[in-house]
Amino acid sequence: MKIVGVAACTVGIAHTYIAQEKLENAGKKAGHDIHIETQGTIGTENELSQQQIAEADIVILATDVKIAGRERFDGKRIIQVTTEIAVKSPNKLIEKAAEVVNQQK
């Protein structure tokens, strides 16, 4: 399964990057191809390409604030959660993403 997403917290410092790391580790551990863009105080990092978005089976938005470029994901299956959920339960979130993708096949 291919997963893309964005992590962004209110302050844009700690939780943004912790959520990214936790989601990427959980996704890779489960055998998925995962790329998480961060939108923090230092700007956008690991920016997703249009190809990555087009090929993704699902989008995970782990955000506490409005993100830039959300329209890039129009038409995609999206799971939106807070960064807290991504930080505390990344494995369950990845499992949920797989369930959503499998239900809609």
PDB file of N, CA and C in Angstrom:
ATOM      1  N   MET A   1       0.842  -1.175   0.000  1.00  0.00           N
ATOM      2  CA  MET A   1       0.000   0.000   0.000  1.00  0.00           C
ATOM      3  C   MET A   1       0.891   1.244   0.000  1.00  0.00           C
ATOM      4  N   LYS A   2       0.475   2.231  -0.725  1.00  0.00           N
ATOM      5  CA  LYS A   2       1.211   3.497  -0.761  1.00  0.00           C
ATOM      6  C   LYS A   2       0.442   4.542   0.038  1.00  0.00           C
ATOM      7  N   ILE A   3       1.163   5.158   0.982  1.00  0.00           N
ATOM      8  CA  ILE A   3       0.560   6.147   1.878  1.00  0.00           C
ATOM      9  C   ILE A   3       1.340   7.448   1.753  1.00  0.00           C
ATOM     10  N   VAL A   4       0.614   8.548   1.657  1.00  0.00           N
ATOM     11  CA  VAL A   4       1.237   9.864   1.772  1.00  0.00           C
ATOM     12  C   VAL A   4       0.481  10.623   2.849  1.00  0.00           C
ATOM     13  N   GLY A   5       1.085  11.694   3.325  1.00  0.00           N
ATOM     14  CA  GLY A   5       0.398  12.471   4.342  1.00  0.00           C
ATOM     15  C   GLY A   5       1.132  13.738   4.693  1.00  0.00           C
ATOM     16  N   VAL A   6       0.511  14.467   5.596  1.00  0.00           N
ATOM     17  CA  VAL A   6       1.076  15.722   6.077  1.00  0.00           C
ATOM     18  C   VAL A   6       0.964  15.734   7.595  1.00  0.00           C
ATOM     19  N   ALA A   7       2.018  16.191   8.252  1.00  0.00           N
ATOM     20  CA  ALA A   7       1.993  16.391   9.701  1.00  0.00           C
ATOM     21  C   ALA A   7       2.219  17.871   9.964  1.00  0.00           C
ATOM     22  N   ALA A   8       1.360  18.436  10.808  1.00  0.00           N
ATOM     23  CA  ALA A   8       1.485  19.851  11.161  1.00  0.00           C
ATOM     24  C   ALA A   8       0.799  20.084  12.505  1.00  0.00           C
ATOM     25  N   CYS A   9       1.528  20.618  13.464  1.00  0.00           N
ATOM     26  CA  CYS A   9       0.937  20.905  14.773  1.00  0.00           C
ATOM     27  C   CYS A   9       0.797  22.414  14.963  1.00  0.00           C
ATOM     28  N   THR A  10       0.185  22.807  16.056  1.00  0.00           N
ATOM     29  CA  THR A  10      -0.103  24.227  16.271  1.00  0.00           C
ATOM     30  C   THR A  10       1.159  25.068  16.394  1.00  0.00           C
ATOM     31  N   VAL A  11       2.147  24.564  17.066  1.00  0.00           N
ATOM     32  CA  VAL A  11       3.389  25.325  17.252  1.00  0.00           C
ATOM     33  C   VAL A  11       4.344  25.088  16.080  1.00  0.00           C
ATOM     34  N   GLY A  12       4.242  23.918  15.470  1.00  0.00           N
ATOM     35  CA  GLY A  12       5.081  23.610  14.311  1.00  0.00           C
ATOM     36  C   GLY A  12       6.500  23.226  14.651  1.00  0.00           C
ATOM     37  N   ILE A  13       6.675  22.737  15.858  1.00  0.00           N
ATOM     38  CA  ILE A  13       8.026  22.336  16.251  1.00  0.00           C
ATOM     39  C   ILE A  13       8.052  20.835  16.548  1.00  0.00           C
ATOM     40  N   ALA A  14       7.736  20.449  17.753  1.00  0.00           N
ATOM     41  CA  ALA A  14       7.945  19.061  18.164  1.00  0.00           C
ATOM     42  C   ALA A  14       6.967  18.063  17.563  1.00  0.00           C
ATOM     43  N   HIS A  15       5.681  18.246  17.801  1.00  0.00           N
ATOM     44  CA  HIS A  15       4.712  17.226  17.384  1.00  0.00           C
ATOM     45  C   HIS A  15       4.684  16.999  15.878  1.00  0.00           C
ATOM     46  N   THR A  16       4.932  18.021  15.108  1.00  0.00           N
ATOM     47  CA  THR A  16       4.959  17.862  13.652  1.00  0.00           C
ATOM     48  C   THR A  16       5.975  16.795  13.259  1.00  0.00           C
ATOM     49  N   TYR A  17       7.161  16.905  13.789  1.00  0.00           N
ATOM     50  CA  TYR A  17       8.249  16.007  13.384  1.00  0.00           C
ATOM     51  C   TYR A  17       8.167  14.649  14.073  1.00  0.00           C
ATOM     52  N   ILE A  18       7.655  14.645  15.300  1.00  0.00           N
ATOM     53  CA  ILE A  18       7.451  13.366  15.992  1.00  0.00           C
ATOM     54  C   ILE A  18       6.380  12.558  15.262  1.00  0.00           C
ATOM     55  N   ALA A  19       5.299  13.217  14.874  1.00  0.00           N
ATOM     56  CA  ALA A  19       4.225  12.530  14.146  1.00  0.00           C
ATOM     57  C   ALA A  19       4.758  11.961  12.830  1.00  0.00           C
ATOM     58  N   GLN A  20       5.559  12.739  12.123  1.00  0.00           N
ATOM     59  CA  GLN A  20       6.140  12.255  10.865  1.00  0.00           C
ATOM     60  C   GLN A  20       6.966  11.000  11.108  1.00  0.00           C
ATOM     61  N   GLU A  21       7.853  11.063  12.072  1.00  0.00           N
ATOM     62  CA  GLU A  21       8.737   9.936  12.350  1.00  0.00           C
ATOM     63  C   GLU A  21       7.945   8.694  12.774  1.00  0.00           C
ATOM     64  N   LYS A  22       6.979   8.889  13.656  1.00  0.00           N
ATOM     65  CA  LYS A  22       6.189   7.749  14.138  1.00  0.00           C
ATOM     66  C   LYS A  22       5.396   7.107  13.002  1.00  0.00           C
ATOM     67  N   LEU A  23       4.770   7.933  12.163  1.00  0.00           N
ATOM     68  CA  LEU A  23       3.981   7.393  11.048  1.00  0.00           C
ATOM     69  C   LEU A  23       4.870   6.675  10.042  1.00  0.00           C
ATOM     70  N   GLU A  24       6.005   7.266   9.711  1.00  0.00           N
ATOM     71  CA  GLU A  24       6.893   6.628   8.734  1.00  0.00           C
ATOM     72  C   GLU A  24       7.440   5.308   9.279  1.00  0.00           C
ATOM     73  N   ASN A  25       7.817   5.293  10.553  1.00  0.00           N
ATOM     74  CA  ASN A  25       8.320   4.052  11.142  1.00  0.00           C
ATOM     75  C   ASN A  25       7.237   2.973  11.180  1.00  0.00           C
ATOM     76  N   ALA A  26       6.032   3.351  11.589  1.00  0.00           N
ATOM     77  CA  ALA A  26       4.925   2.383  11.669  1.00  0.00           C
ATOM     78  C   ALA A  26       4.562   1.877  10.273  1.00  0.00           C
ATOM     79  N   GLY A  27       4.537   2.772   9.309  1.00  0.00           N
ATOM     80  CA  GLY A  27       4.199   2.373   7.943  1.00  0.00           C
ATOM     81  C   GLY A  27       5.225   1.423   7.348  1.00  0.00           C
ATOM     82  N   LYS A  28       6.493   1.740   7.535  1.00  0.00           N
ATOM     83  CA  LYS A  28       7.556   0.879   7.004  1.00  0.00           C
ATOM     84  C   LYS A  28       7.560  -0.472   7.708  1.00  0.00           C
ATOM     85  N   LYS A  29       7.334  -0.450   9.022  1.00  0.00           N
ATOM     86  CA  LYS A  29       7.286  -1.689   9.801  1.00  0.00           C
ATOM     87  C   LYS A  29       6.186  -2.612   9.285  1.00  0.00           C
ATOM     88  N   ALA A  30       5.080  -2.014   8.853  1.00  0.00           N
ATOM     89  CA  ALA A  30       3.950  -2.795   8.331  1.00  0.00           C
ATOM     90  C   ALA A  30       4.130  -3.148   6.847  1.00  0.00           C
ATOM     91  N   GLY A  31       5.241  -2.719   6.256  1.00  0.00           N
ATOM     92  CA  GLY A  31       5.535  -3.083   4.872  1.00  0.00           C
ATOM     93  C   GLY A  31       4.948  -2.171   3.822  1.00  0.00           C
ATOM     94  N   HIS A  32       4.595  -0.954   4.217  1.00  0.00           N
ATOM     95  CA  HIS A  32       4.008  -0.007   3.277  1.00  0.00           C
ATOM     96  C   HIS A  32       5.041   1.022   2.804  1.00  0.00           C
ATOM     97  N   ASP A  33       4.737   1.606   1.657  1.00  0.00           N
ATOM     98  CA  ASP A  33       5.541   2.710   1.124  1.00  0.00           C
ATOM     99  C   ASP A  33       4.898   3.992   1.648  1.00  0.00           C
ATOM    100  N   ILE A  34       5.605   4.740   2.485  1.00  0.00           N
ATOM    101  CA  ILE A  34       4.988   5.896   3.143  1.00  0.00           C
ATOM    102  C   ILE A  34       5.892   7.115   3.069  1.00  0.00           C
ATOM    103  N   HIS A  35       5.277   8.253   2.785  1.00  0.00           N
ATOM    104  CA  HIS A  35       5.981   9.536   2.728  1.00  0.00           C
ATOM    105  C   HIS A  35       5.116  10.580   3.434  1.00  0.00           C
ATOM    106  N   ILE A  36       5.691  11.228   4.433  1.00  0.00           N
ATOM    107  CA  ILE A  36       4.960  12.234   5.197  1.00  0.00           C
ATOM    108  C   ILE A  36       5.655  13.584   5.052  1.00  0.00           C
ATOM    109  N   GLU A  37       4.914  14.546   4.562  1.00  0.00           N
ATOM    110  CA  GLU A  37       5.396  15.928   4.439  1.00  0.00           C
ATOM    111  C   GLU A  37       5.191  16.627   5.779  1.00  0.00           C
ATOM    112  N   THR A  38       6.111  17.497   6.152  1.00  0.00           N
ATOM    113  CA  THR A  38       5.934  18.282   7.373  1.00  0.00           C
ATOM    114  C   THR A  38       5.747  19.748   7.005  1.00  0.00           C
ATOM    115  N   GLN A  39       4.822  20.364   7.730  1.00  0.00           N
ATOM    116  CA  GLN A  39       4.612  21.808   7.592  1.00  0.00           C
ATOM    117  C   GLN A  39       4.795  22.402   8.979  1.00  0.00           C
ATOM    118  N   GLY A  40       6.011  22.814   9.282  1.00  0.00           N
ATOM    119  CA  GLY A  40       6.350  23.330  10.600  1.00  0.00           C
ATOM    120  C   GLY A  40       6.806  24.768  10.557  1.00  0.00           C
ATOM    121  N   THR A  41       7.410  25.208  11.631  1.00  0.00           N
ATOM    122  CA  THR A  41       7.852  26.598  11.715  1.00  0.00           C
ATOM    123  C   THR A  41       8.959  26.926  10.718  1.00  0.00           C
ATOM    124  N   ILE A  42       9.687  25.921  10.280  1.00  0.00           N
ATOM    125  CA  ILE A  42      10.746  26.182   9.303  1.00  0.00           C
ATOM    126  C   ILE A  42      10.272  25.951   7.873  1.00  0.00           C
ATOM    127  N   GLY A  43       8.958  25.845   7.710  1.00  0.00           N
ATOM    128  CA  GLY A  43       8.396  25.699   6.371  1.00  0.00           C
ATOM    129  C   GLY A  43       8.073  24.253   6.043  1.00  0.00           C
ATOM    130  N   THR A  44       7.875  24.002   4.770  1.00  0.00           N
ATOM    131  CA  THR A  44       7.517  22.659   4.305  1.00  0.00           C
ATOM    132  C   THR A  44       8.780  21.873   4.021  1.00  0.00           C
ATOM    133  N   GLU A  45       8.814  20.660   4.568  1.00  0.00           N
ATOM    134  CA  GLU A  45       9.941  19.763   4.309  1.00  0.00           C
ATOM    135  C   GLU A  45       9.390  18.443   3.794  1.00  0.00           C
ATOM    136  N   ASN A  46      10.216  17.726   3.048  1.00  0.00           N
ATOM    137  CA  ASN A  46       9.809  16.443   2.453  1.00  0.00           C
ATOM    138  C   ASN A  46       8.552  16.626   1.615  1.00  0.00           C
ATOM    139  N   GLU A  47       8.484  17.723   0.858  1.00  0.00           N
ATOM    140  CA  GLU A  47       7.291  18.032   0.085  1.00  0.00           C
ATOM    141  C   GLU A  47       6.929  16.891  -0.852  1.00  0.00           C
ATOM    142  N   LEU A  48       5.662  16.532  -0.833  1.00  0.00           N
ATOM    143  CA  LEU A  48       5.171  15.433  -1.660  1.00  0.00           C
ATOM    144  C   LEU A  48       5.110  15.861  -3.117  1.00  0.00           C
ATOM    145  N   SER A  49       5.501  14.962  -4.003  1.00  0.00           N
ATOM    146  CA  SER A  49       5.398  15.252  -5.429  1.00  0.00           C
ATOM    147  C   SER A  49       3.989  14.899  -5.907  1.00  0.00           C
ATOM    148  N   GLN A  50       3.604  15.456  -7.025  1.00  0.00           N
ATOM    149  CA  GLN A  50       2.296  15.123  -7.602  1.00  0.00           C
ATOM    150  C   GLN A  50       2.216  13.633  -7.919  1.00  0.00           C
ATOM    151  N   GLN A  51       3.336  13.045  -8.320  1.00  0.00           N
ATOM    152  CA  GLN A  51       3.352  11.612  -8.626  1.00  0.00           C
ATOM    153  C   GLN A  51       3.112  10.779  -7.365  1.00  0.00           C
ATOM    154  N   GLN A  52       3.753  11.160  -6.266  1.00  0.00           N
ATOM    155  CA  GLN A  52       3.542  10.430  -5.008  1.00  0.00           C
ATOM    156  C   GLN A  52       2.077  10.500  -4.590  1.00  0.00           C
ATOM    157  N   ILE A  53       1.484  11.684  -4.734  1.00  0.00           N
ATOM    158  CA  ILE A  53       0.075  11.853  -4.364  1.00  0.00           C
ATOM    159  C   ILE A  53      -0.819  11.044  -5.301  1.00  0.00           C
ATOM    160  N   ALA A  54      -0.539  11.097  -6.583  1.00  0.00           N
ATOM    161  CA  ALA A  54      -1.367  10.376  -7.559  1.00  0.00           C
ATOM    162  C   ALA A  54      -1.318   8.868  -7.334  1.00  0.00           C
ATOM    163  N   GLU A  55      -0.157   8.349  -6.951  1.00  0.00           N
ATOM    164  CA  GLU A  55       0.001   6.901  -6.770  1.00  0.00           C
ATOM    165  C   GLU A  55      -0.463   6.411  -5.407  1.00  0.00           C
ATOM    166  N   ALA A  56      -0.734   7.320  -4.475  1.00  0.00           N
ATOM    167  CA  ALA A  56      -1.089   6.926  -3.103  1.00  0.00           C
ATOM    168  C   ALA A  56      -2.459   6.263  -3.037  1.00  0.00           C
ATOM    169  N   ASP A  57      -2.542   5.227  -2.206  1.00  0.00           N
ATOM    170  CA  ASP A  57      -3.825   4.572  -1.961  1.00  0.00           C
ATOM    171  C   ASP A  57      -4.641   5.348  -0.942  1.00  0.00           C
ATOM    172  N   ILE A  58      -3.954   6.061  -0.058  1.00  0.00           N
ATOM    173  CA  ILE A  58      -4.635   6.796   0.998  1.00  0.00           C
ATOM    174  C   ILE A  58      -3.744   7.937   1.492  1.00  0.00           C
ATOM    175  N   VAL A  59      -4.396   8.956   2.039  1.00  0.00           N
ATOM    176  CA  VAL A  59      -3.707  10.129   2.570  1.00  0.00           C
ATOM    177  C   VAL A  59      -4.006  10.217   4.065  1.00  0.00           C
ATOM    178  N   ILE A  60      -2.962  10.396   4.872  1.00  0.00           N
ATOM    179  CA  ILE A  60      -3.142  10.607   6.309  1.00  0.00           C
ATOM    180  C   ILE A  60      -2.759  12.051   6.612  1.00  0.00           C
ATOM    181  N   LEU A  61      -3.723  12.795   7.119  1.00  0.00           N
ATOM    182  CA  LEU A  61      -3.445  14.171   7.535  1.00  0.00           C
ATOM    183  C   LEU A  61      -3.436  14.191   9.060  1.00  0.00           C
ATOM    184  N   ALA A  62      -2.250  14.282   9.625  1.00  0.00           N
ATOM    185  CA  ALA A  62      -2.091  14.356  11.078  1.00  0.00           C
ATOM    186  C   ALA A  62      -1.817  15.816  11.401  1.00  0.00           C
ATOM    187  N   THR A  63      -2.903  16.558  11.550  1.00  0.00           N
ATOM    188  CA  THR A  63      -2.770  18.008  11.648  1.00  0.00           C
ATOM    189  C   THR A  63      -3.623  18.594  12.766  1.00  0.00           C
ATOM    190  N   ASP A  64      -3.130  19.668  13.333  1.00  0.00           N
ATOM    191  CA  ASP A  64      -3.876  20.429  14.338  1.00  0.00           C
ATOM    192  C   ASP A  64      -4.218  21.813  13.810  1.00  0.00           C
ATOM    193  N   VAL A  65      -3.731  22.122  12.633  1.00  0.00           N
ATOM    194  CA  VAL A  65      -3.942  23.440  12.027  1.00  0.00           C
ATOM    195  C   VAL A  65      -4.292  23.263  10.548  1.00  0.00           C
ATOM    196  N   LYS A  66      -4.764  24.333   9.938  1.00  0.00           N
ATOM    197  CA  LYS A  66      -5.042  24.312   8.503  1.00  0.00           C
ATOM    198  C   LYS A  66      -3.708  24.182   7.764  1.00  0.00           C
ATOM    199  N   ILE A  67      -3.677  23.294   6.781  1.00  0.00           N
ATOM    200  CA  ILE A  67      -2.429  23.088   6.059  1.00  0.00           C
ATOM    201  C   ILE A  67      -2.464  23.754   4.692  1.00  0.00           C
ATOM    202  N   ALA A  68      -1.300  24.019   4.176  1.00  0.00           N
ATOM    203  CA  ALA A  68      -1.188  24.584   2.832  1.00  0.00           C
ATOM    204  C   ALA A  68      -1.289  23.455   1.812  1.00  0.00           C
ATOM    205  N   GLY A  69      -1.998  23.691   0.742  1.00  0.00           N
ATOM    206  CA  GLY A  69      -2.043  22.735  -0.356  1.00  0.00           C
ATOM    207  C   GLY A  69      -2.938  21.535  -0.132  1.00  0.00           C
ATOM    208  N   ARG A  70      -3.933  21.675   0.727  1.00  0.00           N
ATOM    209  CA  ARG A  70      -4.822  20.533   0.985  1.00  0.00           C
ATOM    210  C   ARG A  70      -5.548  20.100  -0.279  1.00  0.00           C
ATOM    211  N   GLU A  71      -5.787  21.027  -1.195  1.00  0.00           N
ATOM    212  CA  GLU A  71      -6.504  20.700  -2.420  1.00  0.00           C
ATOM    213  C   GLU A  71      -5.757  19.674  -3.276  1.00  0.00           C
ATOM    214  N   ARG A  72      -4.474  19.489  -3.022  1.00  0.00           N
ATOM    215  CA  ARG A  72      -3.706  18.481  -3.763  1.00  0.00           C
ATOM    216  C   ARG A  72      -4.278  17.081  -3.549  1.00  0.00           C
ATOM    217  N   PHE A  73      -5.017  16.898  -2.447  1.00  0.00           N
ATOM    218  CA  PHE A  73      -5.526  15.574  -2.093  1.00  0.00           C
ATOM    219  C   PHE A  73      -6.995  15.385  -2.463  1.00  0.00           C
ATOM    220  N   ASP A  74      -7.585  16.341  -3.147  1.00  0.00           N
ATOM    221  CA  ASP A  74      -8.984  16.221  -3.567  1.00  0.00           C
ATOM    222  C   ASP A  74      -9.162  14.944  -4.388  1.00  0.00           C
ATOM    223  N   GLY A  75     -10.201  14.195  -4.050  1.00  0.00           N
ATOM    224  CA  GLY A  75     -10.484  12.956  -4.765  1.00  0.00           C
ATOM    225  C   GLY A  75      -9.795  11.736  -4.190  1.00  0.00           C
ATOM    226  N   LYS A  76      -8.891  11.928  -3.222  1.00  0.00           N
ATOM    227  CA  LYS A  76      -8.185  10.802  -2.597  1.00  0.00           C
ATOM    228  C   LYS A  76      -8.915  10.392  -1.325  1.00  0.00           C
ATOM    229  N   ARG A  77      -8.712   9.154  -0.916  1.00  0.00           N
ATOM    230  CA  ARG A  77      -9.220   8.723   0.386  1.00  0.00           C
ATOM    231  C   ARG A  77      -8.345   9.358   1.462  1.00  0.00           C
ATOM    232  N   ILE A  78      -8.984  10.012   2.422  1.00  0.00           N
ATOM    233  CA  ILE A  78      -8.248  10.769   3.435  1.00  0.00           C
ATOM    234  C   ILE A  78      -8.669  10.327   4.824  1.00  0.00           C
ATOM    235  N   ILE A  79      -7.690  10.133   5.688  1.00  0.00           N
ATOM    236  CA  ILE A  79      -7.937   9.968   7.118  1.00  0.00           C
ATOM    237  C   ILE A  79      -7.345  11.199   7.776  1.00  0.00           C
ATOM    238  N   GLN A  80      -8.181  11.932   8.511  1.00  0.00           N
ATOM    239  CA  GLN A  80      -7.685  13.133   9.193  1.00  0.00           C
ATOM    240  C   GLN A  80      -7.752  12.917  10.691  1.00  0.00           C
ATOM    241  N   VAL A  81      -6.614  13.108  11.337  1.00  0.00           N
ATOM    242  CA  VAL A  81      -6.511  12.951  12.790  1.00  0.00           C
ATOM    243  C   VAL A  81      -5.653  14.089  13.335  1.00  0.00           C
ATOM    244  N   THR A  82      -5.601  14.169  14.661  1.00  0.00           N
ATOM    245  CA  THR A  82      -4.697  15.140  15.277  1.00  0.00           C
ATOM    246  C   THR A  82      -3.285  14.563  15.325  1.00  0.00           C
ATOM    247  N   THR A  83      -2.316  15.422  15.525  1.00  0.00           N
ATOM    248  CA  THR A  83      -0.945  14.918  15.654  1.00  0.00           C
ATOM    249  C   THR A  83      -0.818  14.036  16.888  1.00  0.00           C
ATOM    250  N   GLU A  84      -1.619  14.315  17.900  1.00  0.00           N
ATOM    251  CA  GLU A  84      -1.565  13.516  19.126  1.00  0.00           C
ATOM    252  C   GLU A  84      -1.871  12.047  18.833  1.00  0.00           C
ATOM    253  N   ILE A  85      -2.858  11.797  17.998  1.00  0.00           N
ATOM    254  CA  ILE A  85      -3.195  10.407  17.656  1.00  0.00           C
ATOM    255  C   ILE A  85      -2.050   9.760  16.879  1.00  0.00           C
ATOM    256  N   ALA A  86      -1.462  10.502  15.965  1.00  0.00           N
ATOM    257  CA  ALA A  86      -0.345   9.959  15.187  1.00  0.00           C
ATOM    258  C   ALA A  86       0.858   9.661  16.083  1.00  0.00           C
ATOM    259  N   VAL A  87       1.056  10.490  17.094  1.00  0.00           N
ATOM    260  CA  VAL A  87       2.201  10.300  17.997  1.00  0.00           C
ATOM    261  C   VAL A  87       1.945   9.137  18.953  1.00  0.00           C
ATOM    262  N   LYS A  88       0.720   9.050  19.477  1.00  0.00           N
ATOM    263  CA  LYS A  88       0.426   8.043  20.504  1.00  0.00           C
ATOM    264  C   LYS A  88       0.060   6.671  19.934  1.00  0.00           C
ATOM    265  N   SER A  89      -0.560   6.630  18.765  1.00  0.00           N
ATOM    266  CA  SER A  89      -1.028   5.347  18.218  1.00  0.00           C
ATOM    267  C   SER A  89      -0.720   5.210  16.731  1.00  0.00           C
ATOM    268  N   PRO A  90       0.528   5.317  16.344  1.00  0.00           N
ATOM    269  CA  PRO A  90       0.849   5.260  14.909  1.00  0.00           C
ATOM    270  C   PRO A  90       0.533   3.908  14.283  1.00  0.00           C
ATOM    271  N   ASN A  91       0.767   2.826  15.022  1.00  0.00           N
ATOM    272  CA  ASN A  91       0.494   1.499  14.454  1.00  0.00           C
ATOM    273  C   ASN A  91      -0.994   1.300  14.199  1.00  0.00           C
ATOM    274  N   LYS A  92      -1.823   1.728  15.145  1.00  0.00           N
ATOM    275  CA  LYS A  92      -3.276   1.601  14.969  1.00  0.00           C
ATOM    276  C   LYS A  92      -3.753   2.469  13.809  1.00  0.00           C
ATOM    277  N   LEU A  93      -3.152   3.626  13.657  1.00  0.00           N
ATOM    278  CA  LEU A  93      -3.532   4.511  12.559  1.00  0.00           C
ATOM    279  C   LEU A  93      -3.197   3.893  11.200  1.00  0.00           C
ATOM    280  N   ILE A  94      -2.044   3.272  11.112  1.00  0.00           N
ATOM    281  CA  ILE A  94      -1.661   2.593   9.868  1.00  0.00           C
ATOM    282  C   ILE A  94      -2.596   1.417   9.607  1.00  0.00           C
ATOM    283  N   GLU A  95      -2.953   0.675  10.663  1.00  0.00           N
ATOM    284  CA  GLU A  95      -3.906  -0.436  10.510  1.00  0.00           C
ATOM    285  C   GLU A  95      -5.248   0.080  10.004  1.00  0.00           C
ATOM    286  N   LYS A  96      -5.696   1.192  10.549  1.00  0.00           N
ATOM    287  CA  LYS A  96      -6.961   1.792  10.126  1.00  0.00           C
ATOM    288  C   LYS A  96      -6.893   2.200   8.650  1.00  0.00           C
ATOM    289  N   ALA A  97      -5.777   2.759   8.248  1.00  0.00           N
ATOM    290  CA  ALA A  97      -5.604   3.156   6.845  1.00  0.00           C
ATOM    291  C   ALA A  97      -5.712   1.938   5.937  1.00  0.00           C
ATOM    292  N   ALA A  98      -5.107   0.833   6.339  1.00  0.00           N
ATOM    293  CA  ALA A  98      -5.180  -0.395   5.535  1.00  0.00           C
ATOM    294  C   ALA A  98      -6.617  -0.908   5.467  1.00  0.00           C
ATOM    295  N   GLU A  99      -7.340  -0.830   6.584  1.00  0.00           N
ATOM    296  CA  GLU A  99      -8.743  -1.254   6.596  1.00  0.00           C
ATOM    297  C   GLU A  99      -9.567  -0.425   5.626  1.00  0.00           C
ATOM    298  N   VAL A 100      -9.368   0.881   5.656  1.00  0.00           N
ATOM    299  CA  VAL A 100     -10.124   1.778   4.779  1.00  0.00           C
ATOM    300  C   VAL A 100      -9.846   1.444   3.313  1.00  0.00           C
ATOM    301  N   VAL A 101      -8.597   1.221   2.988  1.00  0.00           N
ATOM    302  CA  VAL A 101      -8.232   0.907   1.601  1.00  0.00           C
ATOM    303  C   VAL A 101      -8.835  -0.430   1.191  1.00  0.00           C
ATOM    304  N   ASN A 102      -8.736  -1.431   2.075  1.00  0.00           N
ATOM    305  CA  ASN A 102      -9.260  -2.762   1.737  1.00  0.00           C
ATOM    306  C   ASN A 102     -10.773  -2.782   1.639  1.00  0.00           C
ATOM    307  N   GLN A 103     -11.470  -1.977   2.432  1.00  0.00           N
ATOM    308  CA  GLN A 103     -12.931  -1.924   2.377  1.00  0.00           C
ATOM    309  C   GLN A 103     -13.421  -1.341   1.065  1.00  0.00           C
ATOM    310  N   GLN A 104     -12.653  -0.459   0.492  1.00  0.00           N
ATOM    311  CA  GLN A 104     -13.108   0.259  -0.691  1.00  0.00           C
ATOM    312  C   GLN A 104     -12.596  -0.348  -1.985  1.00  0.00           C
ATOM    313  N   LYS A 105     -11.972  -1.512  -1.907  1.00  0.00           N
ATOM    314  CA  LYS A 105     -11.499  -2.163  -3.134  1.00  0.00           C
ATOM    315  C   LYS A 105     -12.612  -2.927  -3.793  1.00  0.00           C
TER     316      LYS A 105
END
